[in-house]
Amino acid sequence: MRAISEFLDGMRNEGTVKTFTEGYCYWLAVILKERFNGEIMYNPVQGHFCCRVNGELWDITGRIEDDGKWQEWWLYQMNEPLDAERVRKACIIKTRYEEEN
């Protein structure tokens, strides 16, 4: 998957690594999904999103190891709807507590 590695290398710097590892990992997964026809994956133990392309997992740091905890995001939403909604609000759309109340 040299194309993905090169794509990430072209956008990786201290700021993007910080951004995509500290709160905006979902949005990088969306970019990779669209660019490389992948699947958005979620790891509820790590609280982290990545993208699976041809069986390999990718985030801003590059190819990552599968620890067996990764799940397709759509499947996680179906199986864990309450937690998925919490993740969606807090991690994806960044709803602040004050906005909900």
Protein backbone atom coordinates (compact mmCIF):
# COMPACT_ATOMS: atom_id res chain seq x y z
CA MET A 1 0.00 0.00 0.00
CA ARG A 2 2.67 2.38 -1.02
CA ALA A 3 0.08 4.88 -2.29
CA ILE A 4 -1.45 5.26 1.18
CA SER A 5 1.95 5.55 2.82
CA GLU A 6 3.00 8.26 0.37
CA PHE A 7 -0.31 10.07 0.81
CA LEU A 8 0.14 10.13 4.59
CA ASP A 9 3.80 11.10 4.31
CA GLY A 10 2.75 14.11 2.23
CA MET A 11 0.43 15.40 4.92
CA ARG A 12 2.27 14.31 8.05
CA ASN A 13 3.93 16.91 10.24
CA GLU A 14 3.92 17.64 13.95
CA GLY A 15 0.64 19.53 13.72
CA THR A 16 -1.26 16.94 11.69
CA VAL A 17 -0.06 14.07 13.86
CA LYS A 18 -1.26 15.95 16.95
CA THR A 19 -4.58 16.84 15.30
CA PHE A 20 -5.35 13.36 13.97
CA THR A 21 -4.26 11.51 17.12
CA GLU A 22 -5.85 13.87 19.65
CA GLY A 23 -9.47 14.19 18.65
CA TYR A 24 -9.92 14.28 14.88
CA CYS A 25 -8.99 10.71 13.92
CA TYR A 26 -12.51 10.08 12.56
CA TRP A 27 -12.05 12.79 9.95
CA LEU A 28 -8.77 11.34 8.71
CA ALA A 29 -10.50 7.95 8.48
CA VAL A 30 -13.16 9.59 6.29
CA ILE A 31 -10.50 11.10 4.02
CA LEU A 32 -8.74 7.73 3.67
CA LYS A 33 -12.06 5.95 3.08
CA GLU A 34 -12.95 8.30 0.24
CA ARG A 35 -9.47 8.41 -1.30
CA PHE A 36 -8.65 4.69 -1.08
CA ASN A 37 -12.10 3.05 -0.94
CA GLY A 38 -11.67 1.85 2.63
CA GLU A 39 -13.81 1.19 5.67
CA ILE A 40 -14.00 3.32 8.80
CA MET A 41 -12.97 1.28 11.83
CA TYR A 42 -13.37 2.03 15.53
CA ASN A 43 -11.51 0.65 18.52
CA PRO A 44 -13.64 1.19 21.65
CA VAL A 45 -10.75 0.28 23.95
CA GLN A 46 -8.46 2.92 22.46
CA GLY A 47 -11.28 5.33 21.58
CA HIS A 48 -9.67 5.72 18.16
CA PHE A 49 -10.76 5.63 14.53
CA CYS A 50 -8.73 4.41 11.59
CA CYS A 51 -9.37 3.22 8.07
CA ARG A 52 -9.06 -0.34 6.76
CA VAL A 53 -7.93 -0.63 3.17
CA ASN A 54 -7.42 -4.08 1.65
CA GLY A 55 -7.20 -5.62 5.11
CA GLU A 56 -4.63 -3.16 6.47
CA LEU A 57 -5.34 -0.53 9.14
CA TRP A 58 -4.12 3.05 8.68
CA ASP A 59 -4.07 6.24 10.69
CA ILE A 60 -1.89 9.38 10.54
CA THR A 61 1.09 7.47 11.92
CA GLY A 62 0.95 5.00 9.02
CA ARG A 63 0.06 1.32 8.99
CA ILE A 64 -1.05 0.15 12.43
CA GLU A 65 -1.33 -3.30 13.96
CA ASP A 66 -4.65 -5.00 14.46
CA ASP A 67 -5.01 -5.76 18.18
CA GLY A 68 -8.27 -7.64 17.58
CA LYS A 69 -10.39 -4.84 19.06
CA TRP A 70 -11.12 -2.96 15.82
CA GLN A 71 -14.70 -3.03 14.54
CA GLU A 72 -16.40 -1.62 11.48
CA TRP A 73 -17.91 1.67 12.64
CA TRP A 74 -21.31 0.90 11.09
CA LEU A 75 -21.39 -2.43 12.93
CA TYR A 76 -20.37 -0.82 16.22
CA GLN A 77 -23.21 1.69 15.77
CA MET A 78 -25.66 -1.17 15.31
CA ASN A 79 -24.37 -3.27 18.22
CA GLU A 80 -23.62 -0.47 20.70
CA PRO A 81 -26.02 2.35 19.78
CA LEU A 82 -25.83 4.25 23.08
CA ASP A 83 -22.05 4.33 23.20
CA ALA A 84 -21.83 5.01 19.46
CA GLU A 85 -24.07 8.04 19.91
CA ARG A 86 -21.87 9.27 22.76
CA VAL A 87 -18.79 8.84 20.55
CA ARG A 88 -20.52 10.58 17.64
CA LYS A 89 -21.43 13.58 19.76
CA ALA A 90 -18.15 13.90 21.67
CA CYS A 91 -15.57 12.77 19.13
CA ILE A 92 -17.05 13.34 15.69
CA ILE A 93 -19.23 16.43 15.88
CA LYS A 94 -17.53 17.75 19.01
CA THR A 95 -20.70 18.73 20.84
CA ARG A 96 -19.81 20.44 24.07
CA TYR A 97 -21.69 19.58 27.24
CA GLU A 98 -23.08 23.11 27.46
CA GLU A 99 -24.59 22.77 23.97
CA GLU A 100 -26.58 19.72 25.01
CA ASN A 101 -28.13 21.31 28.09
